[in-house]
């Protein structure tokens, strides 16, 4: 038998996801401070992965890597996923 641990999300995270609201504050969303690493991939305007942008990033490095990706003219947005199970967490776009 396989046992899979269950870890509920914090109430404020669930409320944000349920309401579908954008995170509009300084810094990174709280959901990006709950893991040791995140998989980040940059995408072009036609939603194709931009080769070479996929990287596992520590939470404290997300802001720096985000700024570097968004400076590149071919990057329209990037997705942040769980590095351990590849679940989608959030999309970061130009302001």
C-alpha atoms as a PDB file:
ATOM      1  CA  UNK A   1       0.000   0.000   0.000  1.00  0.00           C
ATOM      2  CA  UNK A   2       1.201   3.520  -0.810  1.00  0.00           C
ATOM      3  CA  UNK A   3       0.745   6.270   1.736  1.00  0.00           C
ATOM      4  CA  UNK A   4       0.629   9.854   0.457  1.00  0.00           C
ATOM      5  CA  UNK A   5       0.926  12.575   3.101  1.00  0.00           C
ATOM      6  CA  UNK A   6      -1.651  15.348   2.976  1.00  0.00           C
ATOM      7  CA  UNK A   7      -0.604  18.934   3.684  1.00  0.00           C
ATOM      8  CA  UNK A   8      -3.475  21.447   3.599  1.00  0.00           C
ATOM      9  CA  UNK A   9      -2.873  24.895   2.150  1.00  0.00           C
ATOM     10  CA  UNK A  10      -3.015  27.914   4.464  1.00  0.00           C
ATOM     11  CA  UNK A  11      -6.469  29.536   4.573  1.00  0.00           C
ATOM     12  CA  UNK A  12      -5.301  32.771   2.903  1.00  0.00           C
ATOM     13  CA  UNK A  13      -3.818  30.805  -0.013  1.00  0.00           C
ATOM     14  CA  UNK A  14      -7.053  28.897  -0.530  1.00  0.00           C
ATOM     15  CA  UNK A  15      -9.038  32.158  -0.429  1.00  0.00           C
ATOM     16  CA  UNK A  16      -6.775  33.723  -3.059  1.00  0.00           C
ATOM     17  CA  UNK A  17      -7.043  30.689  -5.319  1.00  0.00           C
ATOM     18  CA  UNK A  18     -10.822  30.508  -4.876  1.00  0.00           C
ATOM     19  CA  UNK A  19     -11.309  34.229  -5.536  1.00  0.00           C
ATOM     20  CA  UNK A  20      -8.993  34.148  -8.549  1.00  0.00           C
ATOM     21  CA  UNK A  21      -7.474  37.460  -7.562  1.00  0.00           C
ATOM     22  CA  UNK A  22      -4.069  38.564  -8.710  1.00  0.00           C
ATOM     23  CA  UNK A  23      -1.314  39.000  -6.157  1.00  0.00           C
ATOM     24  CA  UNK A  24      -0.677  42.737  -6.099  1.00  0.00           C
ATOM     25  CA  UNK A  25       1.976  43.473  -3.540  1.00  0.00           C
ATOM     26  CA  UNK A  26       5.725  43.862  -3.171  1.00  0.00           C
ATOM     27  CA  UNK A  27       7.743  40.666  -3.044  1.00  0.00           C
ATOM     28  CA  UNK A  28       6.583  37.192  -3.937  1.00  0.00           C
ATOM     29  CA  UNK A  29       3.215  35.543  -3.268  1.00  0.00           C
ATOM     30  CA  UNK A  30       3.082  33.532  -0.020  1.00  0.00           C
ATOM     31  CA  UNK A  31       2.691  30.303  -2.008  1.00  0.00           C
ATOM     32  CA  UNK A  32       6.266  30.781  -3.229  1.00  0.00           C
ATOM     33  CA  UNK A  33       7.697  30.636   0.273  1.00  0.00           C
ATOM     34  CA  UNK A  34       6.588  27.129   1.203  1.00  0.00           C
ATOM     35  CA  UNK A  35       9.109  24.918  -0.591  1.00  0.00           C
ATOM     36  CA  UNK A  36      12.859  24.500  -0.950  1.00  0.00           C
ATOM     37  CA  UNK A  37      12.721  24.999  -4.724  1.00  0.00           C
ATOM     38  CA  UNK A  38      10.483  25.861  -7.669  1.00  0.00           C
ATOM     39  CA  UNK A  39      10.625  24.984 -11.347  1.00  0.00           C
ATOM     40  CA  UNK A  40      10.510  28.136 -13.474  1.00  0.00           C
ATOM     41  CA  UNK A  41       9.999  28.145 -17.261  1.00  0.00           C
ATOM     42  CA  UNK A  42       9.781  31.176 -19.535  1.00  0.00           C
ATOM     43  CA  UNK A  43       7.277  31.300 -22.407  1.00  0.00           C
ATOM     44  CA  UNK A  44       6.995  33.313 -25.605  1.00  0.00           C
ATOM     45  CA  UNK A  45       3.897  35.311 -26.584  1.00  0.00           C
ATOM     46  CA  UNK A  46       2.572  32.295 -28.506  1.00  0.00           C
ATOM     47  CA  UNK A  47       2.853  30.217 -25.295  1.00  0.00           C
ATOM     48  CA  UNK A  48       5.840  28.131 -26.318  1.00  0.00           C
ATOM     49  CA  UNK A  49       8.539  27.266 -23.804  1.00  0.00           C
ATOM     50  CA  UNK A  50      11.614  29.393 -24.381  1.00  0.00           C
ATOM     51  CA  UNK A  51      14.555  26.988 -24.544  1.00  0.00           C
ATOM     52  CA  UNK A  52      17.044  27.325 -21.719  1.00  0.00           C
ATOM     53  CA  UNK A  53      14.740  29.059 -19.227  1.00  0.00           C
ATOM     54  CA  UNK A  54      13.696  25.959 -17.267  1.00  0.00           C
ATOM     55  CA  UNK A  55      15.470  26.066 -13.953  1.00  0.00           C
ATOM     56  CA  UNK A  56      14.926  24.992 -10.364  1.00  0.00           C
ATOM     57  CA  UNK A  57      15.167  28.108  -8.207  1.00  0.00           C
ATOM     58  CA  UNK A  58      15.349  28.575  -4.431  1.00  0.00           C
ATOM     59  CA  UNK A  59      12.587  30.811  -2.986  1.00  0.00           C
ATOM     60  CA  UNK A  60      15.023  33.604  -2.153  1.00  0.00           C
ATOM     61  CA  UNK A  61      16.229  33.715  -5.784  1.00  0.00           C
ATOM     62  CA  UNK A  62      12.811  33.939  -7.484  1.00  0.00           C
ATOM     63  CA  UNK A  63      12.709  37.753  -7.554  1.00  0.00           C
ATOM     64  CA  UNK A  64      16.136  38.010  -9.170  1.00  0.00           C
ATOM     65  CA  UNK A  65      15.455  35.262 -11.725  1.00  0.00           C
ATOM     66  CA  UNK A  66      12.019  36.747 -12.511  1.00  0.00           C
ATOM     67  CA  UNK A  67      13.543  40.157 -13.232  1.00  0.00           C
ATOM     68  CA  UNK A  68      16.218  38.594 -15.455  1.00  0.00           C
ATOM     69  CA  UNK A  69      13.648  36.589 -17.446  1.00  0.00           C
ATOM     70  CA  UNK A  70      11.277  39.507 -17.916  1.00  0.00           C
ATOM     71  CA  UNK A  71      14.124  41.677 -19.270  1.00  0.00           C
ATOM     72  CA  UNK A  72      14.436  39.305 -22.212  1.00  0.00           C
ATOM     73  CA  UNK A  73      12.275  40.558 -25.116  1.00  0.00           C
ATOM     74  CA  UNK A  74      11.190  37.062 -26.193  1.00  0.00           C
ATOM     75  CA  UNK A  75       9.743  36.225 -22.738  1.00  0.00           C
ATOM     76  CA  UNK A  76       6.055  37.125 -22.402  1.00  0.00           C
ATOM     77  CA  UNK A  77       5.515  35.371 -19.055  1.00  0.00           C
ATOM     78  CA  UNK A  78       6.794  32.505 -16.974  1.00  0.00           C
ATOM     79  CA  UNK A  79       5.181  29.779 -14.962  1.00  0.00           C
ATOM     80  CA  UNK A  80       6.277  28.638 -11.531  1.00  0.00           C
ATOM     81  CA  UNK A  81       5.674  24.994 -10.711  1.00  0.00           C
ATOM     82  CA  UNK A  82       6.476  22.690  -7.837  1.00  0.00           C
ATOM     83  CA  UNK A  83      10.001  21.320  -8.291  1.00  0.00           C
ATOM     84  CA  UNK A  84       9.025  18.076  -6.561  1.00  0.00           C
ATOM     85  CA  UNK A  85       5.786  17.138  -8.351  1.00  0.00           C
ATOM     86  CA  UNK A  86       5.440  19.668 -11.219  1.00  0.00           C
ATOM     87  CA  UNK A  87       2.106  21.125 -10.033  1.00  0.00           C
ATOM     88  CA  UNK A  88       1.330  24.571 -11.435  1.00  0.00           C
ATOM     89  CA  UNK A  89       1.536  27.290  -8.770  1.00  0.00           C
ATOM     90  CA  UNK A  90       1.420  30.664 -10.482  1.00  0.00           C
ATOM     91  CA  UNK A  91       2.123  32.634 -13.660  1.00  0.00           C
ATOM     92  CA  UNK A  92       4.222  35.808 -13.565  1.00  0.00           C
ATOM     93  CA  UNK A  93       3.765  38.412 -16.296  1.00  0.00           C
ATOM     94  CA  UNK A  94       4.926  41.927 -17.070  1.00  0.00           C
ATOM     95  CA  UNK A  95       3.174  44.522 -14.896  1.00  0.00           C
END
